[in-house]
Amino acid sequence: MRLLLHTMATPELGPSGALALAQELELDGIDLICQSGYRCAIAPDASLDVARALRDEADRRGLVIGALTPYEKRFNS
């Protein structure tokens, strides 16, 4: 079992900051939100280069991005 930091708990950070915090807390990685307009998320339309760079940073830190969590708010739109 992995212990992950969910990025909903870190709205003031970006994904890199969440990775740094997870490392500081000696967790295994992060559960990354996938949503537009949320600071500590990866945008659904992020390029592969952006996604790979984030994965590479996690690898360098010895962490994982264990899950991508989509959040949709426009159900009635």
PDB file of N, CA and C in Angstrom:
ATOM      1  N   MET A   1       0.840  -1.172   0.000  1.00  0.00           N
ATOM      2  CA  MET A   1       0.000   0.000   0.000  1.00  0.00           C
ATOM      3  C   MET A   1       0.890   1.240   0.000  1.00  0.00           C
ATOM      4  N   ARG A   2       0.493   2.216  -0.813  1.00  0.00           N
ATOM      5  CA  ARG A   2       1.231   3.482  -0.872  1.00  0.00           C
ATOM      6  C   ARG A   2       0.468   4.571  -0.131  1.00  0.00           C
ATOM      7  N   LEU A   3       1.207   5.433   0.522  1.00  0.00           N
ATOM      8  CA  LEU A   3       0.616   6.606   1.157  1.00  0.00           C
ATOM      9  C   LEU A   3       0.880   7.801   0.258  1.00  0.00           C
ATOM     10  N   LEU A   4      -0.208   8.406  -0.226  1.00  0.00           N
ATOM     11  CA  LEU A   4      -0.119   9.497  -1.189  1.00  0.00           C
ATOM     12  C   LEU A   4      -0.699  10.781  -0.610  1.00  0.00           C
ATOM     13  N   LEU A   5      -0.158  11.888  -1.041  1.00  0.00           N
ATOM     14  CA  LEU A   5      -0.681  13.215  -0.723  1.00  0.00           C
ATOM     15  C   LEU A   5      -1.647  13.603  -1.833  1.00  0.00           C
ATOM     16  N   HIS A   6      -2.889  13.850  -1.500  1.00  0.00           N
ATOM     17  CA  HIS A   6      -3.872  14.268  -2.506  1.00  0.00           C
ATOM     18  C   HIS A   6      -3.721  15.774  -2.715  1.00  0.00           C
ATOM     19  N   THR A   7      -3.608  16.184  -3.966  1.00  0.00           N
ATOM     20  CA  THR A   7      -3.332  17.599  -4.220  1.00  0.00           C
ATOM     21  C   THR A   7      -4.517  18.519  -3.945  1.00  0.00           C
ATOM     22  N   MET A   8      -5.679  17.967  -3.622  1.00  0.00           N
ATOM     23  CA  MET A   8      -6.772  18.826  -3.168  1.00  0.00           C
ATOM     24  C   MET A   8      -6.405  19.440  -1.814  1.00  0.00           C
ATOM     25  N   ALA A   9      -5.516  18.798  -1.081  1.00  0.00           N
ATOM     26  CA  ALA A   9      -5.095  19.301   0.230  1.00  0.00           C
ATOM     27  C   ALA A   9      -4.015  20.369   0.124  1.00  0.00           C
ATOM     28  N   THR A  10      -3.571  20.659  -1.097  1.00  0.00           N
ATOM     29  CA  THR A  10      -2.475  21.624  -1.270  1.00  0.00           C
ATOM     30  C   THR A  10      -2.830  22.672  -2.332  1.00  0.00           C
ATOM     31  N   PRO A  11      -3.961  23.372  -2.186  1.00  0.00           N
ATOM     32  CA  PRO A  11      -4.386  24.304  -3.234  1.00  0.00           C
ATOM     33  C   PRO A  11      -3.440  25.481  -3.435  1.00  0.00           C
ATOM     34  N   GLU A  12      -2.597  25.756  -2.451  1.00  0.00           N
ATOM     35  CA  GLU A  12      -1.674  26.887  -2.568  1.00  0.00           C
ATOM     36  C   GLU A  12      -0.392  26.513  -3.304  1.00  0.00           C
ATOM     37  N   LEU A  13      -0.188  25.240  -3.565  1.00  0.00           N
ATOM     38  CA  LEU A  13       1.025  24.758  -4.233  1.00  0.00           C
ATOM     39  C   LEU A  13       0.729  24.396  -5.681  1.00  0.00           C
ATOM     40  N   GLY A  14       1.773  24.297  -6.467  1.00  0.00           N
ATOM     41  CA  GLY A  14       1.674  23.689  -7.783  1.00  0.00           C
ATOM     42  C   GLY A  14       2.037  22.218  -7.652  1.00  0.00           C
ATOM     43  N   PRO A  15       1.930  21.440  -8.719  1.00  0.00           N
ATOM     44  CA  PRO A  15       2.280  20.021  -8.641  1.00  0.00           C
ATOM     45  C   PRO A  15       3.713  19.772  -8.163  1.00  0.00           C
ATOM     46  N   SER A  16       4.655  20.589  -8.592  1.00  0.00           N
ATOM     47  CA  SER A  16       6.035  20.422  -8.125  1.00  0.00           C
ATOM     48  C   SER A  16       6.143  20.661  -6.630  1.00  0.00           C
ATOM     49  N   GLY A  17       5.428  21.646  -6.138  1.00  0.00           N
ATOM     50  CA  GLY A  17       5.414  21.906  -4.700  1.00  0.00           C
ATOM     51  C   GLY A  17       4.791  20.764  -3.925  1.00  0.00           C
ATOM     52  N   ALA A  18       3.763  20.146  -4.491  1.00  0.00           N
ATOM     53  CA  ALA A  18       3.131  18.997  -3.832  1.00  0.00           C
ATOM     54  C   ALA A  18       4.102  17.819  -3.778  1.00  0.00           C
ATOM     55  N   LEU A  19       4.868  17.631  -4.855  1.00  0.00           N
ATOM     56  CA  LEU A  19       5.877  16.572  -4.837  1.00  0.00           C
ATOM     57  C   LEU A  19       6.919  16.840  -3.754  1.00  0.00           C
ATOM     58  N   ALA A  20       7.354  18.088  -3.637  1.00  0.00           N
ATOM     59  CA  ALA A  20       8.337  18.438  -2.608  1.00  0.00           C
ATOM     60  C   ALA A  20       7.774  18.189  -1.207  1.00  0.00           C
ATOM     61  N   LEU A  21       6.511  18.548  -0.998  1.00  0.00           N
ATOM     62  CA  LEU A  21       5.887  18.340   0.308  1.00  0.00           C
ATOM     63  C   LEU A  21       5.751  16.850   0.609  1.00  0.00           C
ATOM     64  N   ALA A  22       5.339  16.068  -0.382  1.00  0.00           N
ATOM     65  CA  ALA A  22       5.224  14.623  -0.178  1.00  0.00           C
ATOM     66  C   ALA A  22       6.577  14.027   0.201  1.00  0.00           C
ATOM     67  N   GLN A  23       7.624  14.499  -0.448  1.00  0.00           N
ATOM     68  CA  GLN A  23       8.969  14.014  -0.123  1.00  0.00           C
ATOM     69  C   GLN A  23       9.346  14.417   1.305  1.00  0.00           C
ATOM     70  N   GLU A  24       9.060  15.656   1.665  1.00  0.00           N
ATOM     71  CA  GLU A  24       9.375  16.141   3.020  1.00  0.00           C
ATOM     72  C   GLU A  24       8.632  15.335   4.081  1.00  0.00           C
ATOM     73  N   LEU A  25       7.386  14.961   3.781  1.00  0.00           N
ATOM     74  CA  LEU A  25       6.574  14.193   4.727  1.00  0.00           C
ATOM     75  C   LEU A  25       6.863  12.692   4.673  1.00  0.00           C
ATOM     76  N   GLU A  26       7.798  12.316   3.807  1.00  0.00           N
ATOM     77  CA  GLU A  26       8.204  10.922   3.627  1.00  0.00           C
ATOM     78  C   GLU A  26       7.037  10.038   3.176  1.00  0.00           C
ATOM     79  N   LEU A  27       6.200  10.596   2.299  1.00  0.00           N
ATOM     80  CA  LEU A  27       5.119   9.828   1.692  1.00  0.00           C
ATOM     81  C   LEU A  27       5.652   9.165   0.421  1.00  0.00           C
ATOM     82  N   ASP A  28       4.819   8.353  -0.198  1.00  0.00           N
ATOM     83  CA  ASP A  28       5.248   7.625  -1.392  1.00  0.00           C
ATOM     84  C   ASP A  28       5.029   8.406  -2.682  1.00  0.00           C
ATOM     85  N   GLY A  29       4.196   9.433  -2.634  1.00  0.00           N
ATOM     86  CA  GLY A  29       3.933  10.205  -3.839  1.00  0.00           C
ATOM     87  C   GLY A  29       2.675  11.032  -3.693  1.00  0.00           C
ATOM     88  N   ILE A  30       2.082  11.353  -4.853  1.00  0.00           N
ATOM     89  CA  ILE A  30       0.886  12.202  -4.851  1.00  0.00           C
ATOM     90  C   ILE A  30      -0.236  11.571  -5.668  1.00  0.00           C
ATOM     91  N   ASP A  31      -1.432  11.967  -5.325  1.00  0.00           N
ATOM     92  CA  ASP A  31      -2.647  11.700  -6.090  1.00  0.00           C
ATOM     93  C   ASP A  31      -2.981  13.046  -6.722  1.00  0.00           C
ATOM     94  N   LEU A  32      -2.769  13.176  -8.012  1.00  0.00           N
ATOM     95  CA  LEU A  32      -2.798  14.465  -8.708  1.00  0.00           C
ATOM     96  C   LEU A  32      -4.157  14.744  -9.334  1.00  0.00           C
ATOM     97  N   ILE A  33      -4.702  15.890  -9.010  1.00  0.00           N
ATOM     98  CA  ILE A  33      -5.958  16.323  -9.625  1.00  0.00           C
ATOM     99  C   ILE A  33      -5.716  16.643 -11.097  1.00  0.00           C
ATOM    100  N   CYS A  34      -6.662  16.282 -11.912  1.00  0.00           N
ATOM    101  CA  CYS A  34      -6.648  16.608 -13.340  1.00  0.00           C
ATOM    102  C   CYS A  34      -7.843  17.519 -13.592  1.00  0.00           C
ATOM    103  N   GLN A  35      -7.568  18.823 -13.674  1.00  0.00           N
ATOM    104  CA  GLN A  35      -8.643  19.818 -13.794  1.00  0.00           C
ATOM    105  C   GLN A  35      -8.066  21.128 -14.294  1.00  0.00           C
ATOM    106  N   SER A  36      -8.796  21.812 -15.123  1.00  0.00           N
ATOM    107  CA  SER A  36      -8.394  23.149 -15.568  1.00  0.00           C
ATOM    108  C   SER A  36      -8.649  24.164 -14.459  1.00  0.00           C
ATOM    109  N   GLY A  37      -7.757  25.125 -14.342  1.00  0.00           N
ATOM    110  CA  GLY A  37      -7.977  26.238 -13.436  1.00  0.00           C
ATOM    111  C   GLY A  37      -7.721  25.955 -11.971  1.00  0.00           C
ATOM    112  N   TYR A  38      -7.149  24.815 -11.640  1.00  0.00           N
ATOM    113  CA  TYR A  38      -6.807  24.513 -10.248  1.00  0.00           C
ATOM    114  C   TYR A  38      -5.294  24.499 -10.148  1.00  0.00           C
ATOM    115  N   ARG A  39      -4.774  25.288  -9.259  1.00  0.00           N
ATOM    116  CA  ARG A  39      -3.327  25.496  -9.202  1.00  0.00           C
ATOM    117  C   ARG A  39      -2.540  24.193  -9.013  1.00  0.00           C
ATOM    118  N   CYS A  40      -3.003  23.335  -8.144  1.00  0.00           N
ATOM    119  CA  CYS A  40      -2.259  22.107  -7.852  1.00  0.00           C
ATOM    120  C   CYS A  40      -2.856  20.931  -8.622  1.00  0.00           C
ATOM    121  N   ALA A  41      -2.889  21.090  -9.935  1.00  0.00           N
ATOM    122  CA  ALA A  41      -3.451  20.068 -10.818  1.00  0.00           C
ATOM    123  C   ALA A  41      -2.682  20.059 -12.123  1.00  0.00           C
ATOM    124  N   ILE A  42      -2.937  19.042 -12.892  1.00  0.00           N
ATOM    125  CA  ILE A  42      -2.481  19.030 -14.271  1.00  0.00           C
ATOM    126  C   ILE A  42      -3.731  19.246 -15.120  1.00  0.00           C
ATOM    127  N   ALA A  43      -3.629  20.114 -16.092  1.00  0.00           N
ATOM    128  CA  ALA A  43      -4.784  20.425 -16.942  1.00  0.00           C
ATOM    129  C   ALA A  43      -5.084  19.237 -17.862  1.00  0.00           C
ATOM    130  N   PRO A  44      -6.351  18.992 -18.149  1.00  0.00           N
ATOM    131  CA  PRO A  44      -6.703  17.890 -19.045  1.00  0.00           C
ATOM    132  C   PRO A  44      -6.050  18.007 -20.422  1.00  0.00           C
ATOM    133  N   ASP A  45      -5.769  19.228 -20.844  1.00  0.00           N
ATOM    134  CA  ASP A  45      -5.167  19.430 -22.161  1.00  0.00           C
ATOM    135  C   ASP A  45      -3.649  19.665 -22.085  1.00  0.00           C
ATOM    136  N   ALA A  46      -3.045  19.286 -20.963  1.00  0.00           N
ATOM    137  CA  ALA A  46      -1.591  19.443 -20.818  1.00  0.00           C
ATOM    138  C   ALA A  46      -0.880  18.606 -21.884  1.00  0.00           C
ATOM    139  N   SER A  47       0.200  19.136 -22.377  1.00  0.00           N
ATOM    140  CA  SER A  47       0.975  18.412 -23.393  1.00  0.00           C
ATOM    141  C   SER A  47       1.667  17.203 -22.766  1.00  0.00           C
ATOM    142  N   LEU A  48       2.051  16.275 -23.610  1.00  0.00           N
ATOM    143  CA  LEU A  48       2.806  15.115 -23.133  1.00  0.00           C
ATOM    144  C   LEU A  48       4.129  15.544 -22.521  1.00  0.00           C
ATOM    145  N   ASP A  49       4.716  16.617 -23.053  1.00  0.00           N
ATOM    146  CA  ASP A  49       5.979  17.112 -22.493  1.00  0.00           C
ATOM    147  C   ASP A  49       5.802  17.576 -21.054  1.00  0.00           C
ATOM    148  N   VAL A  50       4.704  18.271 -20.777  1.00  0.00           N
ATOM    149  CA  VAL A  50       4.425  18.737 -19.415  1.00  0.00           C
ATOM    150  C   VAL A  50       4.204  17.541 -18.491  1.00  0.00           C
ATOM    151  N   ALA A  51       3.417  16.580 -18.932  1.00  0.00           N
ATOM    152  CA  ALA A  51       3.146  15.392 -18.125  1.00  0.00           C
ATOM    153  C   ALA A  51       4.422  14.590 -17.876  1.00  0.00           C
ATOM    154  N   ARG A  52       5.222  14.432 -18.898  1.00  0.00           N
ATOM    155  CA  ARG A  52       6.475  13.680 -18.742  1.00  0.00           C
ATOM    156  C   ARG A  52       7.441  14.396 -17.802  1.00  0.00           C
ATOM    157  N   ALA A  53       7.502  15.716 -17.886  1.00  0.00           N
ATOM    158  CA  ALA A  53       8.388  16.477 -17.003  1.00  0.00           C
ATOM    159  C   ALA A  53       7.967  16.293 -15.546  1.00  0.00           C
ATOM    160  N   LEU A  54       6.674  16.273 -15.300  1.00  0.00           N
ATOM    161  CA  LEU A  54       6.180  16.072 -13.936  1.00  0.00           C
ATOM    162  C   LEU A  54       6.502  14.655 -13.455  1.00  0.00           C
ATOM    163  N   ARG A  55       6.306  13.670 -14.333  1.00  0.00           N
ATOM    164  CA  ARG A  55       6.661  12.297 -13.981  1.00  0.00           C
ATOM    165  C   ARG A  55       8.160  12.181 -13.707  1.00  0.00           C
ATOM    166  N   ASP A  56       8.973  12.825 -14.532  1.00  0.00           N
ATOM    167  CA  ASP A  56      10.420  12.780 -14.343  1.00  0.00           C
ATOM    168  C   ASP A  56      10.823  13.402 -13.008  1.00  0.00           C
ATOM    169  N   GLU A  57      10.153  14.484 -12.644  1.00  0.00           N
ATOM    170  CA  GLU A  57      10.445  15.103 -11.341  1.00  0.00           C
ATOM    171  C   GLU A  57      10.087  14.150 -10.211  1.00  0.00           C
ATOM    172  N   ALA A  58       8.942  13.496 -10.323  1.00  0.00           N
ATOM    173  CA  ALA A  58       8.556  12.509  -9.303  1.00  0.00           C
ATOM    174  C   ALA A  58       9.601  11.408  -9.220  1.00  0.00           C
ATOM    175  N   ASP A  59      10.049  10.913 -10.364  1.00  0.00           N
ATOM    176  CA  ASP A  59      11.075   9.868 -10.385  1.00  0.00           C
ATOM    177  C   ASP A  59      12.360  10.328  -9.702  1.00  0.00           C
ATOM    178  N   ARG A  60      12.790  11.549 -10.000  1.00  0.00           N
ATOM    179  CA  ARG A  60      14.023  12.087  -9.389  1.00  0.00           C
ATOM    180  C   ARG A  60      13.908  12.155  -7.859  1.00  0.00           C
ATOM    181  N   ARG A  61      12.699  12.410  -7.391  1.00  0.00           N
ATOM    182  CA  ARG A  61      12.471  12.509  -5.951  1.00  0.00           C
ATOM    183  C   ARG A  61      12.200  11.145  -5.301  1.00  0.00           C
ATOM    184  N   GLY A  62      12.122  10.093  -6.119  1.00  0.00           N
ATOM    185  CA  GLY A  62      11.819   8.770  -5.594  1.00  0.00           C
ATOM    186  C   GLY A  62      10.355   8.595  -5.246  1.00  0.00           C
ATOM    187  N   LEU A  63       9.495   9.366  -5.918  1.00  0.00           N
ATOM    188  CA  LEU A  63       8.055   9.359  -5.649  1.00  0.00           C
ATOM    189  C   LEU A  63       7.286   8.843  -6.861  1.00  0.00           C
ATOM    190  N   VAL A  64       6.007   8.592  -6.637  1.00  0.00           N
ATOM    191  CA  VAL A  64       5.115   8.199  -7.729  1.00  0.00           C
ATOM    192  C   VAL A  64       3.963   9.196  -7.823  1.00  0.00           C
ATOM    193  N   ILE A  65       3.407   9.291  -9.001  1.00  0.00           N
ATOM    194  CA  ILE A  65       2.100   9.926  -9.174  1.00  0.00           C
ATOM    195  C   ILE A  65       1.153   8.736  -9.284  1.00  0.00           C
ATOM    196  N   GLY A  66       0.532   8.425  -8.167  1.00  0.00           N
ATOM    197  CA  GLY A  66      -0.212   7.180  -8.037  1.00  0.00           C
ATOM    198  C   GLY A  66      -1.559   7.172  -8.719  1.00  0.00           C
ATOM    199  N   ALA A  67      -2.132   8.347  -8.928  1.00  0.00           N
ATOM    200  CA  ALA A  67      -3.445   8.419  -9.558  1.00  0.00           C
ATOM    201  C   ALA A  67      -3.668   9.823 -10.099  1.00  0.00           C
ATOM    202  N   LEU A  68      -4.461   9.894 -11.148  1.00  0.00           N
ATOM    203  CA  LEU A  68      -4.986  11.169 -11.644  1.00  0.00           C
ATOM    204  C   LEU A  68      -6.456  11.199 -11.278  1.00  0.00           C
ATOM    205  N   THR A  69      -6.866  12.253 -10.603  1.00  0.00           N
ATOM    206  CA  THR A  69      -8.242  12.359 -10.138  1.00  0.00           C
ATOM    207  C   THR A  69      -8.956  13.474 -10.873  1.00  0.00           C
ATOM    208  N   PRO A  70      -9.876  13.153 -11.782  1.00  0.00           N
ATOM    209  CA  PRO A  70     -10.610  14.200 -12.483  1.00  0.00           C
ATOM    210  C   PRO A  70     -11.729  14.756 -11.597  1.00  0.00           C
ATOM    211  N   TYR A  71     -11.945  16.044 -11.700  1.00  0.00           N
ATOM    212  CA  TYR A  71     -13.043  16.688 -10.992  1.00  0.00           C
ATOM    213  C   TYR A  71     -13.866  17.465 -12.009  1.00  0.00           C
ATOM    214  N   GLU A  72     -15.103  17.098 -12.146  1.00  0.00           N
ATOM    215  CA  GLU A  72     -16.024  17.778 -13.053  1.00  0.00           C
ATOM    216  C   GLU A  72     -17.115  18.423 -12.222  1.00  0.00           C
ATOM    217  N   LYS A  73     -17.355  19.701 -12.471  1.00  0.00           N
ATOM    218  CA  LYS A  73     -18.344  20.451 -11.691  1.00  0.00           C
ATOM    219  C   LYS A  73     -19.549  20.860 -12.519  1.00  0.00           C
ATOM    220  N   ARG A  74     -19.511  20.641 -13.816  1.00  0.00           N
ATOM    221  CA  ARG A  74     -20.551  21.182 -14.690  1.00  0.00           C
ATOM    222  C   ARG A  74     -21.600  20.136 -15.072  1.00  0.00           C
ATOM    223  N   PHE A  75     -22.004  19.323 -14.157  1.00  0.00           N
ATOM    224  CA  PHE A  75     -22.947  18.260 -14.474  1.00  0.00           C
ATOM    225  C   PHE A  75     -24.276  18.785 -15.014  1.00  0.00           C
ATOM    226  N   ASN A  76     -24.715  19.937 -14.546  1.00  0.00           N
ATOM    227  CA  ASN A  76     -26.001  20.486 -14.978  1.00  0.00           C
ATOM    228  C   ASN A  76     -25.884  21.497 -16.103  1.00  0.00           C
ATOM    229  N   SER A  77     -24.692  21.675 -16.633  1.00  0.00           N
ATOM    230  CA  SER A  77     -24.494  22.659 -17.693  1.00  0.00           C
ATOM    231  C   SER A  77     -24.814  22.064 -19.057  1.00  0.00           C
TER     232      SER A  77
END
